């Protein structure tokens, strides 16, 4: 009963985080902010969902395979985000900077 509850909490939190990441991708102003939202939420969302599925599977071959998928995503998702940001920067895409409200207090 406790494992099922923890599993559903992880699955629900992963789903909510995925939705929040999608909203961030839609609302942020430039490529780099959107990439950050996608990269952060993608890794954490996958971790929570795979953890929830692993708890449902118990100690089995399926749980081992889910752990392998998690480790693959844990290393490749941030690497892919970094490669995309680096390629965008080298191609000349500049971040959108808000230069308003830069008043110094005396």
PDB file of N, CA and C in Angstrom:
ATOM      1  N   UNK A   1       0.827  -1.195   0.000  1.00  0.00           N
ATOM      2  CA  UNK A   1       0.000   0.000   0.000  1.00  0.00           C
ATOM      3  C   UNK A   1       0.870   1.258   0.000  1.00  0.00           C
ATOM      4  N   UNK A   2       1.922   1.270   0.808  1.00  0.00           N
ATOM      5  CA  UNK A   2       2.802   2.440   0.870  1.00  0.00           C
ATOM      6  C   UNK A   2       3.568   2.601  -0.441  1.00  0.00           C
ATOM      7  N   UNK A   3       4.012   1.483  -1.014  1.00  0.00           N
ATOM      8  CA  UNK A   3       4.765   1.549  -2.270  1.00  0.00           C
ATOM      9  C   UNK A   3       3.864   2.052  -3.401  1.00  0.00           C
ATOM     10  N   UNK A   4       2.616   1.606  -3.424  1.00  0.00           N
ATOM     11  CA  UNK A   4       1.674   2.105  -4.440  1.00  0.00           C
ATOM     12  C   UNK A   4       1.439   3.600  -4.294  1.00  0.00           C
ATOM     13  N   UNK A   5       1.307   4.063  -3.068  1.00  0.00           N
ATOM     14  CA  UNK A   5       1.098   5.490  -2.833  1.00  0.00           C
ATOM     15  C   UNK A   5       2.314   6.305  -3.270  1.00  0.00           C
ATOM     16  N   UNK A   6       3.509   5.845  -2.900  1.00  0.00           N
ATOM     17  CA  UNK A   6       4.732   6.537  -3.335  1.00  0.00           C
ATOM     18  C   UNK A   6       4.866   6.519  -4.852  1.00  0.00           C
ATOM     19  N   UNK A   7       4.504   5.412  -5.448  1.00  0.00           N
ATOM     20  CA  UNK A   7       4.581   5.292  -6.898  1.00  0.00           C
ATOM     21  C   UNK A   7       3.665   6.299  -7.581  1.00  0.00           C
ATOM     22  N   UNK A   8       2.436   6.402  -7.106  1.00  0.00           N
ATOM     23  CA  UNK A   8       1.495   7.336  -7.721  1.00  0.00           C
ATOM     24  C   UNK A   8       1.875   8.784  -7.454  1.00  0.00           C
ATOM     25  N   UNK A   9       2.469   9.045  -6.314  1.00  0.00           N
ATOM     26  CA  UNK A   9       2.955  10.406  -6.049  1.00  0.00           C
ATOM     27  C   UNK A   9       4.058  10.767  -7.039  1.00  0.00           C
ATOM     28  N   UNK A  10       4.994   9.843  -7.273  1.00  0.00           N
ATOM     29  CA  UNK A  10       6.075  10.096  -8.236  1.00  0.00           C
ATOM     30  C   UNK A  10       5.527  10.266  -9.645  1.00  0.00           C
ATOM     31  N   UNK A  11       4.589   9.408 -10.034  1.00  0.00           N
ATOM     32  CA  UNK A  11       4.002   9.519 -11.371  1.00  0.00           C
ATOM     33  C   UNK A  11       3.247  10.834 -11.545  1.00  0.00           C
ATOM     34  N   UNK A  12       2.481  11.221 -10.540  1.00  0.00           N
ATOM     35  CA  UNK A  12       1.742  12.474 -10.611  1.00  0.00           C
ATOM     36  C   UNK A  12       2.688  13.673 -10.642  1.00  0.00           C
ATOM     37  N   UNK A  13       3.711  13.661  -9.784  1.00  0.00           N
ATOM     38  CA  UNK A  13       4.674  14.770  -9.758  1.00  0.00           C
ATOM     39  C   UNK A  13       5.427  14.873 -11.085  1.00  0.00           C
ATOM     40  N   UNK A  14       5.783  13.734 -11.669  1.00  0.00           N
ATOM     41  CA  UNK A  14       6.454  13.752 -12.969  1.00  0.00           C
ATOM     42  C   UNK A  14       5.566  14.307 -14.062  1.00  0.00           C
ATOM     43  N   UNK A  15       4.291  13.942 -14.039  1.00  0.00           N
ATOM     44  CA  UNK A  15       3.358  14.475 -15.028  1.00  0.00           C
ATOM     45  C   UNK A  15       3.143  15.964 -14.878  1.00  0.00           C
ATOM     46  N   UNK A  16       2.991  16.421 -13.636  1.00  0.00           N
ATOM     47  CA  UNK A  16       2.811  17.857 -13.385  1.00  0.00           C
ATOM     48  C   UNK A  16       4.062  18.622 -13.811  1.00  0.00           C
ATOM     49  N   UNK A  17       5.222  18.070 -13.511  1.00  0.00           N
ATOM     50  CA  UNK A  17       6.465  18.739 -13.907  1.00  0.00           C
ATOM     51  C   UNK A  17       6.606  18.797 -15.428  1.00  0.00           C
ATOM     52  N   UNK A  18       6.156  17.760 -16.117  1.00  0.00           N
ATOM     53  CA  UNK A  18       6.171  17.787 -17.581  1.00  0.00           C
ATOM     54  C   UNK A  18       5.274  18.873 -18.142  1.00  0.00           C
ATOM     55  N   UNK A  19       4.110  19.049 -17.521  1.00  0.00           N
ATOM     56  CA  UNK A  19       3.194  20.110 -17.955  1.00  0.00           C
ATOM     57  C   UNK A  19       3.791  21.489 -17.672  1.00  0.00           C
ATOM     58  N   UNK A  20       4.398  21.649 -16.511  1.00  0.00           N
ATOM     59  CA  UNK A  20       5.049  22.921 -16.178  1.00  0.00           C
ATOM     60  C   UNK A  20       6.176  23.225 -17.156  1.00  0.00           C
ATOM     61  N   UNK A  21       6.950  22.203 -17.521  1.00  0.00           N
ATOM     62  CA  UNK A  21       8.011  22.399 -18.511  1.00  0.00           C
ATOM     63  C   UNK A  21       7.467  22.807 -19.861  1.00  0.00           C
ATOM     64  N   UNK A  22       6.330  22.219 -20.258  1.00  0.00           N
ATOM     65  CA  UNK A  22       5.707  22.605 -21.525  1.00  0.00           C
ATOM     66  C   UNK A  22       5.222  24.043 -21.509  1.00  0.00           C
ATOM     67  N   UNK A  23       4.674  24.462 -20.376  1.00  0.00           N
ATOM     68  CA  UNK A  23       4.254  25.860 -20.242  1.00  0.00           C
ATOM     69  C   UNK A  23       5.469  26.784 -20.301  1.00  0.00           C
ATOM     70  N   UNK A  24       6.571  26.372 -19.660  1.00  0.00           N
ATOM     71  CA  UNK A  24       7.795  27.178 -19.701  1.00  0.00           C
ATOM     72  C   UNK A  24       8.352  27.305 -21.104  1.00  0.00           C
ATOM     73  N   UNK A  25       8.291  26.221 -21.874  1.00  0.00           N
ATOM     74  CA  UNK A  25       8.768  26.274 -23.254  1.00  0.00           C
ATOM     75  C   UNK A  25       7.917  27.249 -24.061  1.00  0.00           C
ATOM     76  N   UNK A  26       6.653  27.284 -23.791  1.00  0.00           N
ATOM     77  CA  UNK A  26       5.750  28.167 -24.527  1.00  0.00           C
ATOM     78  C   UNK A  26       5.895  29.628 -24.106  1.00  0.00           C
ATOM     79  N   UNK A  27       6.133  29.885 -22.823  1.00  0.00           N
ATOM     80  CA  UNK A  27       6.073  31.251 -22.304  1.00  0.00           C
ATOM     81  C   UNK A  27       7.400  31.998 -22.290  1.00  0.00           C
ATOM     82  N   UNK A  28       8.521  31.287 -22.218  1.00  0.00           N
ATOM     83  CA  UNK A  28       9.800  31.995 -22.103  1.00  0.00           C
ATOM     84  C   UNK A  28      10.145  32.706 -23.400  1.00  0.00           C
ATOM     85  N   UNK A  29      10.907  33.818 -23.297  1.00  0.00           N
ATOM     86  CA  UNK A  29      11.058  34.717 -24.445  1.00  0.00           C
ATOM     87  C   UNK A  29      12.062  34.280 -25.506  1.00  0.00           C
ATOM     88  N   UNK A  30      13.102  33.548 -25.167  1.00  0.00           N
ATOM     89  CA  UNK A  30      14.110  33.252 -26.175  1.00  0.00           C
ATOM     90  C   UNK A  30      14.498  31.783 -26.145  1.00  0.00           C
ATOM     91  N   UNK A  31      15.325  31.407 -27.104  1.00  0.00           N
ATOM     92  CA  UNK A  31      15.725  30.021 -27.277  1.00  0.00           C
ATOM     93  C   UNK A  31      16.431  29.466 -26.053  1.00  0.00           C
ATOM     94  N   UNK A  32      17.307  30.232 -25.465  1.00  0.00           N
ATOM     95  CA  UNK A  32      18.112  29.736 -24.344  1.00  0.00           C
ATOM     96  C   UNK A  32      17.261  29.502 -23.090  1.00  0.00           C
ATOM     97  N   UNK A  33      16.317  30.384 -22.826  1.00  0.00           N
ATOM     98  CA  UNK A  33      15.415  30.186 -21.693  1.00  0.00           C
ATOM     99  C   UNK A  33      14.528  28.969 -21.916  1.00  0.00           C
ATOM    100  N   UNK A  34      14.053  28.807 -23.129  1.00  0.00           N
ATOM    101  CA  UNK A  34      13.223  27.647 -23.452  1.00  0.00           C
ATOM    102  C   UNK A  34      14.017  26.356 -23.358  1.00  0.00           C
ATOM    103  N   UNK A  35      15.245  26.402 -23.807  1.00  0.00           N
ATOM    104  CA  UNK A  35      16.100  25.217 -23.725  1.00  0.00           C
ATOM    105  C   UNK A  35      16.382  24.845 -22.278  1.00  0.00           C
ATOM    106  N   UNK A  36      16.550  25.839 -21.436  1.00  0.00           N
ATOM    107  CA  UNK A  36      16.776  25.585 -20.016  1.00  0.00           C
ATOM    108  C   UNK A  36      15.539  24.934 -19.395  1.00  0.00           C
ATOM    109  N   UNK A  37      14.366  25.458 -19.711  1.00  0.00           N
ATOM    110  CA  UNK A  37      13.129  24.880 -19.178  1.00  0.00           C
ATOM    111  C   UNK A  37      12.963  23.443 -19.647  1.00  0.00           C
ATOM    112  N   UNK A  38      13.261  23.201 -20.894  1.00  0.00           N
ATOM    113  CA  UNK A  38      13.114  21.847 -21.429  1.00  0.00           C
ATOM    114  C   UNK A  38      14.133  20.894 -20.822  1.00  0.00           C
ATOM    115  N   UNK A  39      15.362  21.339 -20.689  1.00  0.00           N
ATOM    116  CA  UNK A  39      16.418  20.465 -20.179  1.00  0.00           C
ATOM    117  C   UNK A  39      16.240  20.091 -18.723  1.00  0.00           C
ATOM    118  N   UNK A  40      15.898  21.060 -17.904  1.00  0.00           N
ATOM    119  CA  UNK A  40      15.731  20.801 -16.471  1.00  0.00           C
ATOM    120  C   UNK A  40      14.516  19.926 -16.222  1.00  0.00           C
ATOM    121  N   UNK A  41      13.382  20.312 -16.780  1.00  0.00           N
ATOM    122  CA  UNK A  41      12.171  19.560 -16.492  1.00  0.00           C
ATOM    123  C   UNK A  41      12.180  18.189 -17.161  1.00  0.00           C
ATOM    124  N   UNK A  42      12.849  18.069 -18.291  1.00  0.00           N
ATOM    125  CA  UNK A  42      12.912  16.785 -18.977  1.00  0.00           C
ATOM    126  C   UNK A  42      13.622  15.750 -18.111  1.00  0.00           C
ATOM    127  N   UNK A  43      14.746  16.111 -17.531  1.00  0.00           N
ATOM    128  CA  UNK A  43      15.507  15.167 -16.713  1.00  0.00           C
ATOM    129  C   UNK A  43      14.752  14.812 -15.434  1.00  0.00           C
ATOM    130  N   UNK A  44      14.233  15.815 -14.732  1.00  0.00           N
ATOM    131  CA  UNK A  44      13.539  15.541 -13.481  1.00  0.00           C
ATOM    132  C   UNK A  44      12.206  14.838 -13.721  1.00  0.00           C
ATOM    133  N   UNK A  45      11.499  15.215 -14.773  1.00  0.00           N
ATOM    134  CA  UNK A  45      10.233  14.575 -15.111  1.00  0.00           C
ATOM    135  C   UNK A  45      10.464  13.093 -15.428  1.00  0.00           C
ATOM    136  N   UNK A  46      11.481  12.808 -16.240  1.00  0.00           N
ATOM    137  CA  UNK A  46      11.787  11.413 -16.569  1.00  0.00           C
ATOM    138  C   UNK A  46      12.190  10.635 -15.326  1.00  0.00           C
ATOM    139  N   UNK A  47      12.965  11.258 -14.436  1.00  0.00           N
ATOM    140  CA  UNK A  47      13.386  10.575 -13.223  1.00  0.00           C
ATOM    141  C   UNK A  47      12.176  10.193 -12.372  1.00  0.00           C
ATOM    142  N   UNK A  48      11.249  11.116 -12.170  1.00  0.00           N
ATOM    143  CA  UNK A  48      10.089  10.836 -11.332  1.00  0.00           C
ATOM    144  C   UNK A  48       9.171   9.787 -11.953  1.00  0.00           C
ATOM    145  N   UNK A  49       8.948   9.885 -13.243  1.00  0.00           N
ATOM    146  CA  UNK A  49       8.077   8.911 -13.898  1.00  0.00           C
ATOM    147  C   UNK A  49       8.712   7.528 -13.890  1.00  0.00           C
ATOM    148  N   UNK A  50       9.997   7.445 -14.206  1.00  0.00           N
ATOM    149  CA  UNK A  50      10.665   6.141 -14.201  1.00  0.00           C
ATOM    150  C   UNK A  50      10.774   5.570 -12.790  1.00  0.00           C
ATOM    151  N   UNK A  51      10.945   6.435 -11.789  1.00  0.00           N
ATOM    152  CA  UNK A  51      10.959   5.956 -10.407  1.00  0.00           C
ATOM    153  C   UNK A  51       9.591   5.402 -10.018  1.00  0.00           C
ATOM    154  N   UNK A  52       8.532   6.092 -10.397  1.00  0.00           N
ATOM    155  CA  UNK A  52       7.189   5.607 -10.120  1.00  0.00           C
ATOM    156  C   UNK A  52       6.906   4.285 -10.805  1.00  0.00           C
ATOM    157  N   UNK A  53       7.328   4.156 -12.058  1.00  0.00           N
ATOM    158  CA  UNK A  53       7.144   2.893 -12.765  1.00  0.00           C
ATOM    159  C   UNK A  53       7.992   1.784 -12.159  1.00  0.00           C
ATOM    160  N   UNK A  54       9.202   2.138 -11.717  1.00  0.00           N
ATOM    161  CA  UNK A  54      10.064   1.150 -11.080  1.00  0.00           C
ATOM    162  C   UNK A  54       9.496   0.652  -9.763  1.00  0.00           C
ATOM    163  N   UNK A  55       8.869   1.550  -9.015  1.00  0.00           N
ATOM    164  CA  UNK A  55       8.230   1.123  -7.775  1.00  0.00           C
ATOM    165  C   UNK A  55       7.054   0.196  -8.062  1.00  0.00           C
ATOM    166  N   UNK A  56       6.329   0.457  -9.129  1.00  0.00           N
ATOM    167  CA  UNK A  56       5.229  -0.419  -9.504  1.00  0.00           C
ATOM    168  C   UNK A  56       5.728  -1.792  -9.956  1.00  0.00           C
ATOM    169  N   UNK A  57       6.888  -1.825 -10.617  1.00  0.00           N
ATOM    170  CA  UNK A  57       7.421  -3.086 -11.141  1.00  0.00           C
ATOM    171  C   UNK A  57       8.016  -3.960 -10.043  1.00  0.00           C
ATOM    172  N   UNK A  58       8.478  -3.347  -8.956  1.00  0.00           N
ATOM    173  CA  UNK A  58       9.120  -4.121  -7.896  1.00  0.00           C
ATOM    174  C   UNK A  58      10.514  -4.557  -8.317  1.00  0.00           C
ATOM    175  N   UNK A  59      11.062  -5.534  -7.629  1.00  0.00           N
ATOM    176  CA  UNK A  59      12.385  -6.057  -7.976  1.00  0.00           C
ATOM    177  C   UNK A  59      12.235  -7.062  -9.112  1.00  0.00           C
ATOM    178  N   UNK A  60      12.416  -6.580 -10.328  1.00  0.00           N
ATOM    179  CA  UNK A  60      12.244  -7.438 -11.500  1.00  0.00           C
ATOM    180  C   UNK A  60      13.155  -6.954 -12.617  1.00  0.00           C
ATOM    181  N   UNK A  61      13.124  -7.682 -13.704  1.00  0.00           N
ATOM    182  CA  UNK A  61      13.894  -7.291 -14.876  1.00  0.00           C
ATOM    183  C   UNK A  61      13.373  -5.975 -15.448  1.00  0.00           C
ATOM    184  N   UNK A  62      12.080  -5.756 -15.356  1.00  0.00           N
ATOM    185  CA  UNK A  62      11.498  -4.503 -15.859  1.00  0.00           C
ATOM    186  C   UNK A  62      12.041  -3.298 -15.085  1.00  0.00           C
ATOM    187  N   UNK A  63      12.173  -3.438 -13.764  1.00  0.00           N
ATOM    188  CA  UNK A  63      12.715  -2.342 -12.956  1.00  0.00           C
ATOM    189  C   UNK A  63      14.178  -2.087 -13.314  1.00  0.00           C
ATOM    190  N   UNK A  64      14.926  -3.138 -13.587  1.00  0.00           N
ATOM    191  CA  UNK A  64      16.327  -2.975 -13.997  1.00  0.00           C
ATOM    192  C   UNK A  64      16.417  -2.232 -15.333  1.00  0.00           C
ATOM    193  N   UNK A  65      15.536  -2.582 -16.255  1.00  0.00           N
ATOM    194  CA  UNK A  65      15.520  -1.903 -17.551  1.00  0.00           C
ATOM    195  C   UNK A  65      15.125  -0.429 -17.398  1.00  0.00           C
ATOM    196  N   UNK A  66      14.182  -0.150 -16.505  1.00  0.00           N
ATOM    197  CA  UNK A  66      13.799   1.243 -16.246  1.00  0.00           C
ATOM    198  C   UNK A  66      14.966   2.025 -15.652  1.00  0.00           C
ATOM    199  N   UNK A  67      15.746   1.384 -14.787  1.00  0.00           N
ATOM    200  CA  UNK A  67      16.927   2.046 -14.218  1.00  0.00           C
ATOM    201  C   UNK A  67      17.960   2.332 -15.309  1.00  0.00           C
ATOM    202  N   UNK A  68      18.150   1.403 -16.228  1.00  0.00           N
ATOM    203  CA  UNK A  68      19.082   1.645 -17.341  1.00  0.00           C
ATOM    204  C   UNK A  68      18.611   2.801 -18.220  1.00  0.00           C
ATOM    205  N   UNK A  69      17.306   2.860 -18.479  1.00  0.00           N
ATOM    206  CA  UNK A  69      16.752   3.971 -19.264  1.00  0.00           C
ATOM    207  C   UNK A  69      16.987   5.288 -18.534  1.00  0.00           C
ATOM    208  N   UNK A  70      16.780   5.288 -17.209  1.00  0.00           N
ATOM    209  CA  UNK A  70      17.001   6.510 -16.438  1.00  0.00           C
ATOM    210  C   UNK A  70      18.454   6.963 -16.524  1.00  0.00           C
ATOM    211  N   UNK A  71      19.407   6.054 -16.347  1.00  0.00           N
ATOM    212  CA  UNK A  71      20.813   6.457 -16.409  1.00  0.00           C
ATOM    213  C   UNK A  71      21.189   6.965 -17.797  1.00  0.00           C
ATOM    214  N   UNK A  72      20.625   6.355 -18.837  1.00  0.00           N
ATOM    215  CA  UNK A  72      20.874   6.844 -20.190  1.00  0.00           C
ATOM    216  C   UNK A  72      20.340   8.266 -20.353  1.00  0.00           C
ATOM    217  N   UNK A  73      19.102   8.511 -19.910  1.00  0.00           N
ATOM    218  CA  UNK A  73      18.519   9.851 -20.020  1.00  0.00           C
ATOM    219  C   UNK A  73      19.227  10.860 -19.121  1.00  0.00           C
ATOM    220  N   UNK A  74      19.670  10.407 -17.948  1.00  0.00           N
ATOM    221  CA  UNK A  74      20.334  11.294 -17.001  1.00  0.00           C
ATOM    222  C   UNK A  74      21.618  11.881 -17.581  1.00  0.00           C
ATOM    223  N   UNK A  75      22.311  11.126 -18.413  1.00  0.00           N
ATOM    224  CA  UNK A  75      23.553  11.621 -19.000  1.00  0.00           C
ATOM    225  C   UNK A  75      23.358  12.245 -20.374  1.00  0.00           C
ATOM    226  N   UNK A  76      22.410  11.765 -21.160  1.00  0.00           N
ATOM    227  CA  UNK A  76      22.282  12.280 -22.523  1.00  0.00           C
ATOM    228  C   UNK A  76      21.442  13.551 -22.618  1.00  0.00           C
ATOM    229  N   UNK A  77      20.442  13.720 -21.771  1.00  0.00           N
ATOM    230  CA  UNK A  77      19.586  14.904 -21.863  1.00  0.00           C
ATOM    231  C   UNK A  77      20.340  16.204 -21.578  1.00  0.00           C
ATOM    232  N   UNK A  78      21.108  16.310 -20.483  1.00  0.00           N
ATOM    233  CA  UNK A  78      21.876  17.545 -20.284  1.00  0.00           C
ATOM    234  C   UNK A  78      22.965  17.749 -21.348  1.00  0.00           C
ATOM    235  N   UNK A  79      23.530  16.657 -21.824  1.00  0.00           N
ATOM    236  CA  UNK A  79      24.555  16.770 -22.869  1.00  0.00           C
ATOM    237  C   UNK A  79      23.943  17.297 -24.156  1.00  0.00           C
ATOM    238  N   UNK A  80      22.767  16.815 -24.503  1.00  0.00           N
ATOM    239  CA  UNK A  80      22.098  17.294 -25.712  1.00  0.00           C
ATOM    240  C   UNK A  80      21.697  18.760 -25.574  1.00  0.00           C
ATOM    241  N   UNK A  81      21.222  19.152 -24.400  1.00  0.00           N
ATOM    242  CA  UNK A  81      20.854  20.565 -24.177  1.00  0.00           C
ATOM    243  C   UNK A  81      22.076  21.465 -24.307  1.00  0.00           C
ATOM    244  N   UNK A  82      23.194  21.024 -23.747  1.00  0.00           N
ATOM    245  CA  UNK A  82      24.430  21.804 -23.851  1.00  0.00           C
ATOM    246  C   UNK A  82      24.880  21.903 -25.306  1.00  0.00           C
ATOM    247  N   UNK A  83      24.806  20.807 -26.040  1.00  0.00           N
ATOM    248  CA  UNK A  83      25.221  20.826 -27.440  1.00  0.00           C
ATOM    249  C   UNK A  83      24.334  21.754 -28.267  1.00  0.00           C
ATOM    250  N   UNK A  84      23.024  21.746 -28.009  1.00  0.00           N
ATOM    251  CA  UNK A  84      22.119  22.647 -28.726  1.00  0.00           C
ATOM    252  C   UNK A  84      22.414  24.114 -28.408  1.00  0.00           C
ATOM    253  N   UNK A  85      22.642  24.418 -27.135  1.00  0.00           N
ATOM    254  CA  UNK A  85      22.948  25.800 -26.753  1.00  0.00           C
ATOM    255  C   UNK A  85      24.274  26.249 -27.357  1.00  0.00           C
ATOM    256  N   UNK A  86      25.249  25.369 -27.346  1.00  0.00           N
ATOM    257  CA  UNK A  86      26.554  25.701 -27.910  1.00  0.00           C
ATOM    258  C   UNK A  86      26.454  25.921 -29.419  1.00  0.00           C
ATOM    259  N   UNK A  87      25.694  25.087 -30.117  1.00  0.00           N
ATOM    260  CA  UNK A  87      25.524  25.251 -31.562  1.00  0.00           C
ATOM    261  C   UNK A  87      24.784  26.552 -31.873  1.00  0.00           C
ATOM    262  N   UNK A  88      23.779  26.890 -31.071  1.00  0.00           N
ATOM    263  CA  UNK A  88      23.034  28.130 -31.295  1.00  0.00           C
ATOM    264  C   UNK A  88      23.925  29.340 -31.068  1.00  0.00           C
ATOM    265  N   UNK A  89      24.768  29.285 -30.046  1.00  0.00           N
ATOM    266  CA  UNK A  89      25.667  30.403 -29.766  1.00  0.00           C
ATOM    267  C   UNK A  89      26.698  30.570 -30.871  1.00  0.00           C
ATOM    268  N   UNK A  90      27.241  29.454 -31.355  1.00  0.00           N
ATOM    269  CA  UNK A  90      28.243  29.537 -32.427  1.00  0.00           C
ATOM    270  C   UNK A  90      27.637  29.959 -33.762  1.00  0.00           C
ATOM    271  N   UNK A  91      26.336  29.726 -33.944  1.00  0.00           N
ATOM    272  CA  UNK A  91      25.699  30.149 -35.190  1.00  0.00           C
ATOM    273  C   UNK A  91      25.274  31.617 -35.149  1.00  0.00           C
ATOM    274  N   UNK A  92      25.449  32.260 -33.991  1.00  0.00           N
ATOM    275  CA  UNK A  92      25.184  33.687 -33.896  1.00  0.00           C
ATOM    276  C   UNK A  92      23.873  34.057 -33.229  1.00  0.00           C
ATOM    277  N   UNK A  93      23.172  33.122 -32.665  1.00  0.00           N
ATOM    278  CA  UNK A  93      21.921  33.419 -31.981  1.00  0.00           C
ATOM    279  C   UNK A  93      22.235  34.019 -30.618  1.00  0.00           C
ATOM    280  N   UNK A  94      21.809  35.260 -30.433  1.00  0.00           N
ATOM    281  CA  UNK A  94      22.089  35.970 -29.186  1.00  0.00           C
ATOM    282  C   UNK A  94      20.931  35.800 -28.210  1.00  0.00           C
ATOM    283  N   UNK A  95      21.244  35.725 -26.913  1.00  0.00           N
ATOM    284  CA  UNK A  95      20.151  35.679 -25.927  1.00  0.00           C
ATOM    285  C   UNK A  95      19.426  37.012 -25.861  1.00  0.00           C
ATOM    286  N   UNK A  96      18.146  36.954 -25.553  1.00  0.00           N
ATOM    287  CA  UNK A  96      17.360  38.172 -25.394  1.00  0.00           C
ATOM    288  C   UNK A  96      17.617  38.702 -23.988  1.00  0.00           C
ATOM    289  N   UNK A  97      18.149  39.896 -23.912  1.00  0.00           N
ATOM    290  CA  UNK A  97      18.465  40.501 -22.618  1.00  0.00           C
ATOM    291  C   UNK A  97      17.534  41.665 -22.366  1.00  0.00           C
ATOM    292  N   UNK A  98      16.979  41.728 -21.164  1.00  0.00           N
ATOM    293  CA  UNK A  98      16.115  42.829 -20.782  1.00  0.00           C
ATOM    294  C   UNK A  98      16.981  43.901 -20.134  1.00  0.00           C
ATOM    295  N   UNK A  99      17.133  45.028 -20.806  1.00  0.00           N
ATOM    296  CA  UNK A  99      18.014  46.080 -20.299  1.00  0.00           C
ATOM    297  C   UNK A  99      17.233  47.138 -19.518  1.00  0.00           C
ATOM    298  N   UNK A 100      15.940  46.957 -19.334  1.00  0.00           N
ATOM    299  CA  UNK A 100      15.144  47.911 -18.561  1.00  0.00           C
ATOM    300  C   UNK A 100      15.337  47.686 -17.073  1.00  0.00           C
ATOM    301  N   UNK A 101      15.043  48.713 -16.282  1.00  0.00           N
ATOM    302  CA  UNK A 101      15.127  48.664 -14.815  1.00  0.00           C
ATOM    303  C   UNK A 101      16.530  48.364 -14.310  1.00  0.00           C
ATOM    304  N   UNK A 102      17.523  48.904 -14.957  1.00  0.00           N
ATOM    305  CA  UNK A 102      18.904  48.748 -14.488  1.00  0.00           C
ATOM    306  C   UNK A 102      19.367  50.015 -13.771  1.00  0.00           C
ATOM    307  N   UNK A 103      18.504  50.624 -12.997  1.00  0.00           N
ATOM    308  CA  UNK A 103      18.851  51.836 -12.278  1.00  0.00           C
ATOM    309  C   UNK A 103      19.630  51.467 -11.034  1.00  0.00           C
ATOM    310  N   UNK A 104      20.680  52.213 -10.786  1.00  0.00           N
ATOM    311  CA  UNK A 104      21.471  51.973  -9.565  1.00  0.00           C
ATOM    312  C   UNK A 104      20.959  52.879  -8.461  1.00  0.00           C
ATOM    313  N   UNK A 105      20.945  52.362  -7.281  1.00  0.00           N
ATOM    314  CA  UNK A 105      20.513  53.150  -6.131  1.00  0.00           C
ATOM    315  C   UNK A 105      21.711  53.910  -5.561  1.00  0.00           C
ATOM    316  N   UNK A 106      21.469  55.166  -5.190  1.00  0.00           N
ATOM    317  CA  UNK A 106      22.570  55.935  -4.633  1.00  0.00           C
ATOM    318  C   UNK A 106      22.546  55.976  -3.151  1.00  0.00           C
TER     319      UNK A 106
END
